[in-house]
Protein backbone atom coordinates (compact mmCIF):
# COMPACT_ATOMS: atom_id res chain seq x y z
CA UNK A 1 8.51 -40.34 12.16
CA UNK A 2 8.06 -36.96 13.84
CA UNK A 3 10.86 -35.64 16.06
CA UNK A 4 10.72 -33.52 19.16
CA UNK A 5 11.68 -29.89 18.61
CA UNK A 6 11.72 -26.82 20.79
CA UNK A 7 9.15 -24.10 20.20
CA UNK A 8 11.89 -21.96 18.70
CA UNK A 9 12.89 -24.73 16.30
CA UNK A 10 9.22 -25.28 15.41
CA UNK A 11 8.78 -21.58 14.65
CA UNK A 12 11.67 -21.58 12.17
CA UNK A 13 10.61 -24.90 10.63
CA UNK A 14 7.11 -23.50 10.07
CA UNK A 15 8.56 -20.47 8.26
CA UNK A 16 10.61 -22.83 6.09
CA UNK A 17 7.53 -24.98 5.34
CA UNK A 18 5.69 -21.82 4.26
CA UNK A 19 8.48 -21.02 1.80
CA UNK A 20 9.45 -17.81 3.64
CA UNK A 21 12.74 -16.55 2.26
CA UNK A 22 13.14 -13.31 4.14
CA UNK A 23 12.00 -11.91 7.49
CA UNK A 24 12.58 -8.55 9.13
CA UNK A 25 13.17 -8.07 12.81
CA UNK A 26 15.02 -6.90 15.87
CA UNK A 27 16.10 -9.21 18.72
CA UNK A 28 15.24 -8.98 22.40
CA UNK A 29 15.10 -11.18 25.46
CA UNK A 30 11.75 -12.82 24.77
CA UNK A 31 12.75 -14.01 21.28
CA UNK A 32 16.38 -14.95 21.79
CA UNK A 33 15.70 -18.71 21.52
CA UNK A 34 14.01 -18.05 18.17
CA UNK A 35 16.96 -15.93 17.05
CA UNK A 36 19.34 -18.70 18.09
CA UNK A 37 17.54 -21.10 15.76
CA UNK A 38 17.59 -18.53 12.96
CA UNK A 39 21.37 -18.43 13.39
CA UNK A 40 21.65 -22.20 12.93
CA UNK A 41 20.00 -22.33 9.49
CA UNK A 42 20.33 -20.60 6.13
CA UNK A 43 16.96 -21.07 4.40
CA UNK A 44 15.27 -18.05 5.97
CA UNK A 45 17.23 -14.82 5.68
CA UNK A 46 16.88 -12.34 8.51
CA UNK A 47 17.18 -8.58 7.89
CA UNK A 48 18.19 -6.65 11.01
CA UNK A 49 16.42 -3.30 10.99
CA UNK A 50 17.15 -0.42 13.39
CA UNK A 51 13.58 -0.03 14.72
CA UNK A 52 10.65 -2.42 14.91
CA UNK A 53 8.36 -0.04 13.02
CA UNK A 54 10.72 -0.37 10.09
CA UNK A 55 10.65 -4.19 10.38
CA UNK A 56 6.90 -4.28 9.79
CA UNK A 57 6.99 -1.59 7.05
CA UNK A 58 9.75 -3.57 5.28
CA UNK A 59 7.74 -6.79 5.53
CA UNK A 60 4.81 -4.80 4.17
CA UNK A 61 6.76 -3.53 1.15
CA UNK A 62 8.04 -7.06 0.56
CA UNK A 63 4.46 -8.39 0.54
CA UNK A 64 2.96 -5.67 -1.63
CA UNK A 65 5.59 -5.94 -4.34
CA UNK A 66 5.82 -9.74 -4.46
CA UNK A 67 2.38 -11.18 -3.56
CA UNK A 68 4.04 -13.17 -0.77
CA UNK A 69 3.14 -12.99 2.91
CA UNK A 70 5.47 -10.56 4.66
CA UNK A 71 6.98 -11.71 7.97
CA UNK A 72 8.31 -9.68 10.89
CA UNK A 73 9.83 -10.84 14.18
CA UNK A 74 9.84 -8.60 17.28
CA UNK A 75 10.36 -9.00 20.97
CA UNK A 76 7.90 -8.37 23.80
CA UNK A 77 6.96 -5.03 25.37
CA UNK A 78 8.47 -2.09 23.47
CA UNK A 79 9.26 -4.38 20.54
CA UNK A 80 5.57 -4.97 20.00
CA UNK A 81 4.46 -1.42 20.75
CA UNK A 82 7.05 -0.08 18.29
CA UNK A 83 5.60 -2.45 15.69
CA UNK A 84 1.96 -1.38 16.13
CA UNK A 85 2.17 1.51 13.63
CA UNK A 86 3.40 -0.85 10.93
CA UNK A 87 0.75 -3.43 11.82
CA UNK A 88 -2.02 -0.81 11.63
CA UNK A 89 -0.65 0.39 8.29
CA UNK A 90 -0.86 -3.13 6.86
CA UNK A 91 -4.33 -3.66 8.34
CA UNK A 92 -5.76 -0.51 6.76
CA UNK A 93 -4.40 -1.48 3.34
CA UNK A 94 -5.25 -5.21 3.59
CA UNK A 95 -1.68 -6.47 3.31
CA UNK A 96 -0.95 -10.17 4.00
CA UNK A 97 1.51 -10.36 6.86
CA UNK A 98 2.47 -12.53 9.82
CA UNK A 99 4.04 -10.86 12.83
CA UNK A 100 5.73 -13.13 15.37
CA UNK A 101 6.18 -11.50 18.74
CA UNK A 102 7.87 -12.68 21.88
CA UNK A 103 6.06 -12.64 25.22
CA UNK A 104 7.09 -13.05 28.84
CA UNK A 105 6.86 -16.62 30.22
CA UNK A 106 3.31 -17.90 30.65
CA UNK A 107 3.71 -17.97 34.44
CA UNK A 108 4.49 -14.22 34.41
CA UNK A 109 1.67 -13.06 32.11
CA UNK A 110 -0.51 -10.53 33.88
CA UNK A 111 2.02 -9.82 36.65
CA UNK A 112 3.55 -6.69 35.08
CA UNK A 113 6.72 -8.58 34.29
CA UNK A 114 9.73 -6.87 32.70
CA UNK A 115 8.89 -5.94 29.10
CA UNK A 116 5.36 -7.25 29.35
CA UNK A 117 2.42 -5.74 27.50
CA UNK A 118 -0.95 -7.24 26.60
CA UNK A 119 -0.01 -7.85 23.01
CA UNK A 120 -3.26 -9.51 22.04
CA UNK A 121 -5.26 -6.65 23.59
CA UNK A 122 -3.14 -3.88 22.14
CA UNK A 123 -3.14 -5.25 18.60
CA UNK A 124 -6.70 -6.58 18.46
CA UNK A 125 -8.16 -3.44 16.78
CA UNK A 126 -5.53 -3.43 14.01
CA UNK A 127 -5.05 -7.06 13.01
CA UNK A 128 -7.15 -9.43 11.00
CA UNK A 129 -6.62 -11.94 13.85
CA UNK A 130 -4.14 -12.64 16.63
CA UNK A 131 -3.09 -15.59 18.77
CA UNK A 132 -1.40 -16.08 22.15
CA UNK A 133 0.18 -19.57 22.13
CA UNK A 134 0.28 -20.97 25.65
CA UNK A 135 0.50 -24.64 24.66
CA UNK A 136 3.50 -25.73 22.60
CA UNK A 137 1.49 -28.57 21.01
CA UNK A 138 -0.64 -25.92 19.29
CA UNK A 139 2.26 -23.82 17.97
CA UNK A 140 2.71 -25.34 14.51
CA UNK A 141 -1.01 -25.42 13.79
CA UNK A 142 -1.36 -21.83 14.99
CA UNK A 143 1.38 -20.58 12.65
CA UNK A 144 -0.28 -22.47 9.79
CA UNK A 145 -3.57 -20.76 10.65
CA UNK A 146 -1.82 -17.40 10.74
CA UNK A 147 -0.49 -17.73 7.20
CA UNK A 148 -3.81 -19.04 5.95
CA UNK A 149 -5.85 -16.21 7.51
CA UNK A 150 -3.35 -13.55 6.42
CA UNK A 151 -3.38 -14.57 2.77
CA UNK A 152 -7.00 -15.59 2.09
CA UNK A 153 -10.24 -13.64 1.81
CA UNK A 154 -9.53 -9.97 2.39
CA UNK A 155 -5.84 -10.19 3.33
CA UNK A 156 -4.42 -8.62 6.47
CA UNK A 157 -1.85 -8.88 9.24
CA UNK A 158 -2.04 -11.76 11.73
CA UNK A 159 0.00 -11.75 14.95
CA UNK A 160 1.31 -14.80 16.80
CA UNK A 161 2.45 -14.07 20.36
CA UNK A 162 4.86 -16.72 21.72
CA UNK A 163 5.80 -16.73 25.42
CA UNK A 164 9.47 -17.33 26.14
CA UNK A 165 8.92 -20.63 27.94
CA UNK A 166 6.92 -21.97 24.97
CA UNK A 167 9.90 -21.27 22.73
CA UNK A 168 12.03 -23.44 25.07
CA UNK A 169 9.66 -26.39 25.59
CA UNK A 170 9.70 -29.46 23.32
CA UNK A 171 7.07 -31.40 21.46
CA UNK A 172 6.76 -33.56 18.37
CA UNK A 173 6.73 -31.50 15.19
CA UNK A 174 4.28 -32.04 12.35
CA UNK A 175 3.27 -29.21 10.04
CA UNK A 176 -0.25 -29.47 8.64
CA UNK A 177 -0.54 -29.71 4.84
CA UNK A 178 -3.72 -27.65 4.92
CA UNK A 179 -5.99 -26.04 7.45
CA UNK A 180 -9.72 -25.77 7.80
CA UNK A 181 -11.45 -23.46 10.23
CA UNK A 182 -15.15 -23.81 10.91
CA UNK A 183 -15.43 -20.11 11.80
CA UNK A 184 -13.49 -18.83 8.77
CA UNK A 185 -14.55 -19.71 5.26
CA UNK A 186 -14.10 -16.73 2.92
CA UNK A 187 -16.24 -16.70 -0.19
CA UNK A 188 -14.28 -16.46 -3.45
CA UNK A 189 -16.84 -17.26 -6.15
CA UNK A 190 -19.35 -14.53 -6.90
CA UNK A 191 -23.07 -15.40 -7.06
CA UNK A 192 -23.87 -16.21 -10.68
CA UNK A 193 -27.25 -14.46 -10.60
CA UNK A 194 -25.65 -11.25 -9.29
CA UNK A 195 -22.98 -11.40 -11.96
CA UNK A 196 -25.70 -11.81 -14.60
CA UNK A 197 -27.50 -8.74 -13.18
CA UNK A 198 -24.23 -6.82 -13.33
CA UNK A 199 -23.71 -7.81 -16.97
CA UNK A 200 -27.24 -6.63 -17.88
CA UNK A 201 -26.69 -3.32 -16.13
CA UNK A 202 -23.32 -2.79 -17.82
CA UNK A 203 -24.85 -3.42 -21.27
CA UNK A 204 -27.60 -0.86 -20.51
CA UNK A 205 -25.14 1.86 -19.48
CA UNK A 206 -25.00 5.19 -21.35
CA UNK A 207 -22.53 7.00 -19.10
CA UNK A 208 -20.45 4.21 -17.47
CA UNK A 209 -17.29 4.36 -15.41
CA UNK A 210 -15.21 1.58 -13.97
CA UNK A 211 -13.85 2.48 -10.53
CA UNK A 212 -10.99 0.16 -9.55
CA UNK A 213 -9.26 -0.09 -6.18
CA UNK A 214 -6.58 -1.97 -4.31
CA UNK A 215 -8.50 -5.23 -4.48
CA UNK A 216 -7.54 -5.46 -8.15
CA UNK A 217 -3.85 -5.39 -7.15
CA UNK A 218 -4.24 -7.76 -4.20
CA UNK A 219 -6.05 -10.40 -6.26
CA UNK A 220 -3.65 -10.08 -9.23
CA UNK A 221 -6.60 -9.19 -11.45
CA UNK A 222 -5.00 -6.35 -13.44
CA UNK A 223 -5.03 -8.35 -16.72
CA UNK A 224 -8.74 -9.13 -16.31
CA UNK A 225 -9.59 -5.53 -15.42
CA UNK A 226 -7.69 -4.33 -18.50
CA UNK A 227 -9.51 -6.84 -20.70
CA UNK A 228 -12.90 -5.75 -19.37
CA UNK A 229 -12.23 -2.02 -19.78
CA UNK A 230 -10.87 -2.35 -23.31
CA UNK A 231 -13.55 -4.83 -24.40
CA UNK A 232 -16.29 -2.38 -23.33
CA UNK A 233 -14.46 0.86 -24.28
CA UNK A 234 -15.42 2.22 -20.87
CA UNK A 235 -13.47 4.94 -18.98
CA UNK A 236 -11.54 3.63 -15.98
CA UNK A 237 -10.40 5.46 -12.87
CA UNK A 238 -8.21 4.08 -10.11
CA UNK A 239 -7.97 4.82 -6.42
CA UNK A 240 -4.67 5.66 -4.75
CA UNK A 241 -4.32 1.99 -3.80
CA UNK A 242 -5.43 0.79 -7.22
CA UNK A 243 -2.85 2.61 -9.33
CA UNK A 244 -1.26 0.22 -11.79
CA UNK A 245 -4.36 -1.96 -11.88
CA UNK A 246 -5.10 -0.39 -15.26
CA UNK A 247 -2.35 1.15 -17.44
CA UNK A 248 -2.20 4.85 -16.60
CA UNK A 249 -0.76 5.77 -20.03
CA UNK A 250 -3.74 4.24 -21.84
CA UNK A 251 -6.26 6.68 -23.35
CA UNK A 252 -9.14 5.05 -21.44
CA UNK A 253 -7.50 5.83 -18.09
CA UNK A 254 -8.91 8.88 -16.31
CA UNK A 255 -6.15 8.79 -13.73
CA UNK A 256 -6.71 8.77 -9.98
CA UNK A 257 -9.96 9.98 -8.47
CA UNK A 258 -10.74 11.44 -5.04
CA UNK A 259 -9.50 14.32 -2.92
CA UNK A 260 -6.50 14.93 -5.19
CA UNK A 261 -7.81 13.06 -8.21
CA UNK A 262 -8.10 14.42 -11.73
CA UNK A 263 -10.98 16.66 -12.76
CA UNK A 264 -12.09 14.20 -15.43
CA UNK A 265 -12.08 11.22 -13.05
CA UNK A 266 -14.05 12.97 -10.36
CA UNK A 267 -16.59 14.46 -12.78
CA UNK A 268 -17.05 11.09 -14.49
CA UNK A 269 -17.73 9.42 -11.14
CA UNK A 270 -20.15 12.17 -10.19
CA UNK A 271 -22.15 12.17 -13.44
CA UNK A 272 -22.07 8.52 -14.55
CA UNK A 273 -25.24 6.45 -14.80
CA UNK A 274 -23.55 3.11 -14.04
CA UNK A 275 -20.52 2.78 -11.78
CA UNK A 276 -18.69 -0.55 -11.58
CA UNK A 277 -16.68 -0.60 -8.34
CA UNK A 278 -14.03 -3.30 -8.47
CA UNK A 279 -12.12 -4.05 -5.29
CA UNK A 280 -12.70 -0.55 -3.91
CA UNK A 281 -14.43 0.57 -0.71
CA UNK A 282 -15.79 4.09 -1.34
CA UNK A 283 -13.28 5.56 1.06
CA UNK A 284 -13.84 9.07 2.45
CA UNK A 285 -10.79 10.39 0.57
CA UNK A 286 -12.24 8.95 -2.66
CA UNK A 287 -15.87 10.04 -2.62
CA UNK A 288 -15.82 12.90 -0.13
CA UNK A 289 -19.05 13.39 1.76
CA UNK A 290 -21.45 10.54 0.84
CA UNK A 291 -24.36 13.01 0.91
CA UNK A 292 -22.73 14.90 -1.97
CA UNK A 293 -21.40 11.85 -3.81
CA UNK A 294 -23.79 11.83 -6.76
CA UNK A 295 -25.18 14.67 -8.85
CA UNK A 296 -27.31 12.24 -10.87
CA UNK A 297 -29.33 9.11 -10.24
CA UNK A 298 -27.14 6.15 -11.04
CA UNK A 299 -26.72 2.46 -10.41
CA UNK A 300 -23.74 0.95 -8.63
CA UNK A 301 -22.25 -2.51 -9.07
CA UNK A 302 -19.84 -3.39 -6.24
CA UNK A 303 -17.43 -6.34 -6.43
CA UNK A 304 -15.53 -7.06 -3.21
CA UNK A 305 -14.19 -10.04 -1.27
CA UNK A 306 -15.27 -8.47 2.02
CA UNK A 307 -19.08 -8.45 2.51
CA UNK A 308 -18.73 -5.86 5.30
CA UNK A 309 -17.37 -3.34 2.78
CA UNK A 310 -20.43 -3.49 0.59
CA UNK A 311 -23.00 -0.73 1.23
CA UNK A 312 -20.92 0.35 4.20
CA UNK A 313 -20.66 3.99 3.09
CA UNK A 314 -22.67 4.08 -0.14
CA UNK A 315 -25.75 1.99 -0.92
CA UNK A 316 -25.15 -0.21 -3.95
CA UNK A 317 -27.60 -1.81 -6.38
CA UNK A 318 -25.79 -4.99 -7.41
CA UNK A 319 -23.53 -6.37 -4.66
CA UNK A 320 -21.19 -9.19 -5.66
CA UNK A 321 -19.21 -10.84 -2.86
CA UNK A 322 -16.23 -12.73 -4.17
CA UNK A 323 -12.63 -12.60 -5.20
CA UNK A 324 -12.12 -9.89 -7.79
CA UNK A 325 -10.13 -12.19 -10.06
CA UNK A 326 -12.80 -14.91 -10.09
CA UNK A 327 -15.68 -12.48 -10.48
CA UNK A 328 -14.05 -10.55 -13.35
CA UNK A 329 -13.29 -13.79 -15.20
CA UNK A 330 -16.93 -14.84 -14.87
CA UNK A 331 -18.21 -11.39 -15.85
CA UNK A 332 -16.01 -11.23 -18.95
CA UNK A 333 -17.12 -14.71 -19.97
CA UNK A 334 -20.78 -13.75 -19.57
CA UNK A 335 -20.42 -10.47 -21.48
CA UNK A 336 -18.73 -12.27 -24.37
CA UNK A 337 -21.50 -14.87 -24.45
CA UNK A 338 -24.16 -12.14 -24.50
CA UNK A 339 -22.61 -10.65 -27.65
CA UNK A 340 -24.42 -7.41 -26.94
CA UNK A 341 -22.83 -4.01 -26.66
CA UNK A 342 -23.70 -0.86 -24.73
CA UNK A 343 -25.35 1.96 -26.65
CA UNK A 344 -22.43 3.07 -28.87
CA UNK A 345 -23.89 6.48 -29.74
CA UNK A 346 -24.45 7.29 -26.06
CA UNK A 347 -20.95 6.04 -25.22
CA UNK A 348 -19.49 8.26 -27.94
CA UNK A 349 -21.24 11.30 -26.43
CA UNK A 350 -20.00 10.31 -22.97
CA UNK A 351 -16.41 10.19 -24.22
CA UNK A 352 -16.90 13.64 -25.80
CA UNK A 353 -17.94 14.99 -22.41
CA UNK A 354 -14.93 13.33 -20.75
CA UNK A 355 -12.59 14.90 -23.31
CA UNK A 356 -14.06 18.32 -22.51
CA UNK A 357 -13.27 17.74 -18.84
CA UNK A 358 -9.77 16.60 -19.78
CA UNK A 359 -9.19 19.89 -21.58
CA UNK A 360 -9.18 21.64 -18.20
CA UNK A 361 -5.65 20.23 -17.84
CA UNK A 362 -6.07 19.98 -14.07
CA UNK A 363 -2.46 18.88 -13.43
CA UNK A 364 -0.80 21.85 -15.11
CA UNK A 365 1.98 23.65 -13.27
CA UNK A 366 4.58 26.33 -14.04
CA UNK A 367 7.13 24.54 -16.21
CA UNK A 368 9.22 27.70 -16.65
CA UNK A 369 9.81 28.19 -12.91
CA UNK A 370 13.31 29.13 -11.78
CA UNK A 371 12.70 27.08 -8.61
CA UNK A 372 12.41 23.30 -8.76
CA UNK A 373 8.79 22.22 -9.01
CA UNK A 374 8.18 18.83 -7.34
CA UNK A 375 5.90 17.73 -10.18
CA UNK A 376 8.79 18.13 -12.62
CA UNK A 377 11.02 15.87 -10.51
CA UNK A 378 8.38 13.11 -10.65
CA UNK A 379 7.90 13.53 -14.40
CA UNK A 380 11.64 13.33 -15.00
CA UNK A 381 11.83 10.25 -12.78
CA UNK A 382 9.09 8.62 -14.84
CA UNK A 383 10.86 9.38 -18.11
CA UNK A 384 14.31 8.24 -16.92
CA UNK A 385 12.97 4.96 -15.48
CA UNK A 386 10.62 4.50 -18.47
CA UNK A 387 7.83 3.94 -15.95
CA UNK A 388 9.37 0.64 -14.91
CA UNK A 389 10.57 1.41 -11.38
CA UNK A 390 9.10 0.35 -8.06
CA UNK A 391 8.03 3.54 -6.33
CA UNK A 392 7.46 3.81 -2.60
CA UNK A 393 6.38 6.99 -0.89
CA UNK A 394 5.86 8.49 2.49
CA UNK A 395 2.74 10.54 3.18
CA UNK A 396 1.93 14.09 2.22
CA UNK A 397 2.16 16.33 -0.82
CA UNK A 398 4.98 14.29 -2.34
CA UNK A 399 2.78 11.18 -2.15
CA UNK A 400 -0.01 12.85 -4.08
CA UNK A 401 2.37 14.25 -6.71
CA UNK A 402 3.88 10.80 -7.15
CA UNK A 403 0.39 9.34 -7.64
CA UNK A 404 -0.52 12.06 -10.14
CA UNK A 405 2.66 12.30 -12.20
CA UNK A 406 4.25 8.83 -12.18
CA UNK A 407 2.13 6.91 -14.67
CA UNK A 408 1.90 3.36 -13.34
CA UNK A 409 1.21 0.86 -16.10
CA UNK A 410 1.88 -2.24 -14.00
CA UNK A 411 0.48 -3.52 -10.71
CA UNK A 412 2.57 -3.85 -7.54
CA UNK A 413 4.88 -0.99 -8.60
CA UNK A 414 3.26 1.68 -6.40
CA UNK A 415 3.85 1.04 -2.70
CA UNK A 416 2.40 3.58 -0.26
CA UNK A 417 0.45 3.88 2.96
CA UNK A 418 -3.07 4.71 1.83
CA UNK A 419 -5.48 4.02 4.66
CA UNK A 420 -3.42 4.98 7.71
CA UNK A 421 -1.26 7.64 6.03
CA UNK A 422 1.95 6.69 7.80
CA UNK A 423 4.91 9.04 7.69
CA UNK A 424 8.13 7.01 7.86
CA UNK A 425 6.73 4.23 5.68
CA UNK A 426 8.61 4.99 2.47
CA UNK A 427 12.24 3.99 3.06
CA UNK A 428 11.70 0.80 5.08
CA UNK A 429 9.02 -0.27 2.59
CA UNK A 430 11.54 0.35 -0.20
CA UNK A 431 13.99 -1.94 1.63
CA UNK A 432 11.40 -4.73 1.54
CA UNK A 433 10.66 -4.06 -2.12
CA UNK A 434 14.33 -4.18 -3.05
CA UNK A 435 14.86 -7.46 -1.19
CA UNK A 436 11.81 -8.98 -2.91
CA UNK A 437 12.97 -7.65 -6.30
CA UNK A 438 16.80 -7.58 -6.14
CA UNK A 439 17.18 -6.61 -9.81
CA UNK A 440 14.46 -3.96 -9.79
CA UNK A 441 14.92 -0.19 -9.77
CA UNK A 442 13.50 1.04 -6.44
CA UNK A 443 12.94 4.71 -5.66
CA UNK A 444 11.51 6.21 -2.47
CA UNK A 445 9.75 9.53 -2.97
CA UNK A 446 9.68 11.37 0.34
CA UNK A 447 9.77 14.74 2.06
CA UNK A 448 12.16 16.22 4.58
CA UNK A 449 9.66 15.64 7.42
CA UNK A 450 8.64 12.07 6.60
CA UNK A 451 12.13 10.79 5.89
CA UNK A 452 13.28 11.65 9.39
CA UNK A 453 10.68 9.33 10.94
CA UNK A 454 12.72 6.21 10.03
CA UNK A 455 15.98 7.72 8.79
CA UNK A 456 18.00 5.32 10.94
CA UNK A 457 17.25 2.68 8.29
CA UNK A 458 20.03 4.21 6.18
CA UNK A 459 22.17 1.98 8.39
CA UNK A 460 20.18 -1.13 7.40
CA UNK A 461 20.51 -0.18 3.73
CA UNK A 462 24.27 0.05 4.14
CA UNK A 463 24.56 -3.32 5.92
CA UNK A 464 22.60 -5.15 3.23
CA UNK A 465 23.86 -3.11 0.27
CA UNK A 466 20.41 -1.97 -0.83
CA UNK A 467 20.85 0.47 -3.76
CA UNK A 468 17.71 2.55 -3.17
CA UNK A 469 17.29 5.93 -4.76
CA UNK A 470 15.87 8.40 -2.21
CA UNK A 471 14.11 11.37 -3.81
CA UNK A 472 13.64 13.97 -1.08
CA UNK A 473 11.29 16.76 -2.19
CA UNK A 474 12.54 19.25 0.36
CA UNK A 475 10.35 22.31 0.83
CA UNK A 476 11.27 22.84 4.49
CA UNK A 477 7.61 22.43 5.47
CA UNK A 478 5.33 19.57 6.43
CA UNK A 479 3.84 20.29 3.05
CA UNK A 480 0.34 18.93 3.31
CA UNK A 481 -0.12 20.35 6.81
CA UNK A 482 1.01 23.75 5.47
CA UNK A 483 -1.37 23.48 2.54
CA UNK A 484 -4.35 22.86 4.82
CA UNK A 485 -3.22 25.68 7.12
CA UNK A 486 -3.09 27.98 4.11
CA UNK A 487 -6.52 26.98 2.85
CA UNK A 488 -8.48 26.53 6.07
CA UNK A 489 -6.52 28.10 8.96
CA UNK A 490 -5.82 31.66 7.84
CA UNK A 491 -2.17 31.06 6.85
CA UNK A 492 -1.27 30.28 10.45
CA UNK A 493 1.56 27.83 9.96
CA UNK A 494 1.51 26.34 13.46
CA UNK A 495 4.52 24.04 13.88
CA UNK A 496 4.60 23.03 10.21
CA UNK A 497 7.91 24.69 9.30
CA UNK A 498 11.10 22.63 9.77
CA UNK A 499 13.53 25.06 11.39
CA UNK A 500 16.57 22.83 11.98
CA UNK A 501 16.97 20.35 9.16
CA UNK A 502 20.10 18.23 8.83
CA UNK A 503 22.45 18.45 5.90
CA UNK A 504 20.98 15.43 4.16
CA UNK A 505 23.99 15.03 1.88
CA UNK A 506 26.40 14.82 4.80
CA UNK A 507 23.99 12.61 6.70
CA UNK A 508 23.73 10.16 3.81
CA UNK A 509 27.50 10.20 3.43
CA UNK A 510 27.98 9.53 7.14
CA UNK A 511 26.11 6.25 6.64
CA UNK A 512 28.36 5.41 3.69
CA UNK A 513 25.95 6.37 0.91
CA UNK A 514 26.07 8.89 -1.93
CA UNK A 515 24.46 12.28 -1.29
CA UNK A 516 23.41 14.91 -3.81
CA UNK A 517 21.87 18.37 -3.32
CA UNK A 518 19.96 19.72 -6.32
CA UNK A 519 18.84 23.33 -6.31
CA UNK A 520 18.26 24.32 -9.95
CA UNK A 521 15.60 22.95 -12.33
CA UNK A 522 18.16 22.47 -15.10
CA UNK A 523 20.10 20.04 -12.89
CA UNK A 524 17.21 17.72 -12.04
CA UNK A 525 17.40 15.39 -15.03
CA UNK A 526 21.18 15.03 -14.87
CA UNK A 527 21.12 14.24 -11.15
CA UNK A 528 18.50 11.53 -11.64
CA UNK A 529 20.41 9.96 -14.52
CA UNK A 530 23.64 9.99 -12.55
CA UNK A 531 21.92 8.41 -9.54
CA UNK A 532 20.47 5.51 -11.53
CA UNK A 533 23.86 4.85 -13.12
CA UNK A 534 25.14 4.08 -9.63
CA UNK A 535 23.45 0.70 -9.65
CA UNK A 536 25.10 -0.68 -6.54
CA UNK A 537 24.79 2.34 -4.27
CA UNK A 538 22.09 4.09 -2.33
CA UNK A 539 21.81 7.66 -3.54
CA UNK A 540 20.09 10.30 -1.43
CA UNK A 541 18.92 13.17 -3.64
CA UNK A 542 17.90 16.30 -1.76
CA UNK A 543 15.81 18.39 -4.18
CA UNK A 544 15.26 21.94 -2.88
CA UNK A 545 11.74 22.64 -4.12
CA UNK A 546 9.26 25.48 -4.24
CA UNK A 547 7.93 26.09 -0.71
CA UNK A 548 4.66 27.57 -1.94
CA UNK A 549 3.58 24.76 -4.28
CA UNK A 550 0.24 23.09 -3.48
CA UNK A 551 -1.38 19.87 -4.67
CA UNK A 552 -4.24 20.45 -7.10
CA UNK A 553 -6.98 19.49 -7.73
CA UNK A 554 -8.27 19.34 -4.19
CA UNK A 555 -11.69 18.41 -2.85
CA UNK A 556 -12.08 20.13 0.55
CA UNK A 557 -13.29 18.01 3.43
CA UNK A 558 -17.06 17.61 3.52
CA UNK A 559 -17.49 18.63 -0.13
CA UNK A 560 -18.59 16.61 -3.16
CA UNK A 561 -16.31 15.39 -5.95
CA UNK A 562 -17.49 18.11 -8.32
CA UNK A 563 -16.54 20.87 -5.80
CA UNK A 564 -12.84 20.80 -6.59
CA UNK A 565 -10.32 23.57 -6.10
CA UNK A 566 -8.40 23.60 -9.38
CA UNK A 567 -5.84 26.41 -8.89
């Protein structure tokens, strides 16, 4: 027999029914009834952040590293507007998330009430869907819909806006076992005829490349991608969001492609005759200018859950709409049944060409430098953690160096803001990762500009005893901005130099953490080892790095993949 519950009680019960273990939020007037119900139970743990942007980033990191839906709870007005950056970040990277926001009472909506904003209107461009719940009898079903939409098809953030009076009203509670929506039926199975066409094209390839993106990670298809690549002996390149989808230390990996991708990956993409795009969207930072994308005629197979992504930027020859996991399973099965193999002599010649490109050693840097090189810090981090850490990053040069020099062999270990490029993402995302993986080693690679965007979360880390390792590659510049100013703006470093930085060691210590300042290359390895020995403490490592170092290779804006700057 169903019982009558308040809207606030229903909200918490829905979270419990969905198996939510952890949510991130910040209280305010419009959500106090929901917070009161949180206080009365112990199944859903609440993490009190210091800013709503951090709540959503933390829920994002939790989701990316665990394959669970991340959940954030914010109040109306400035609570929601503070959260928008985090919501947009999750939307651009297709991260499953439910954001519950408070709203002014229904009778006050549209009257410019205290802490009122049009939440549905403001968030509409950067959510997969959103709801304003005006009728308490629809609350449970709406939350069920939110979790379903967020986690199926191409994942994304879904917002549920709950007016204060709805959280106080009562109705009978019944949570649906499942939900069906006439207007939303994502396709998961790829069309068998298209998969057969793809198999035929793959077997005819002489210069193939497999181009794998974040969809491989989101659909948990890394094992299937690895099986396909190794079965065919094809080269594989990963996007920034796809790192870890194929083992980076394997000889068939070409590394990351795109604006700061490896020479061999970009050249292979440019000169292949068959490209198999798996869960990737031909992003502008990956292919550069579409007009300059190909130096040769070639065929493209594109596997993606989202039909709107196919032929959006680059016309493809064999589109396959479906879940990457399901499609790869079917494709592997078909290729095994065919028992044919691509032209082995042609494939051998293709690998010879790739090895010649590899010999350019496009990631080389001065290893004898008397100033700390940021690339060396990442390499040492990889060696000390044996490649088994969860790595979050902020956005900029340090992000690209992390992607280039930390060799991700496993999925869901690389957590970064790809599509939106959000400074301030790294540390709160690391908090979510640590809470989802309490026994995991979690490191946040950041820069002195990015870290200050959400540095107040050092307080959250102290409260919840989160033993993150912060690796601050401190060059006193907004590094990527400075690099572009050097290359394209005549060395005019307009507002990119940080003139009044805090003493990060003292700042970390003031929050109750361990701080280290590292200024000599010979001290890098020892500092990292010491930090990871402190298993129960957050350690903030401030590495004073070379101010002049740039990220190479680099494809300038508007250029093709083969037009890289290498030094």
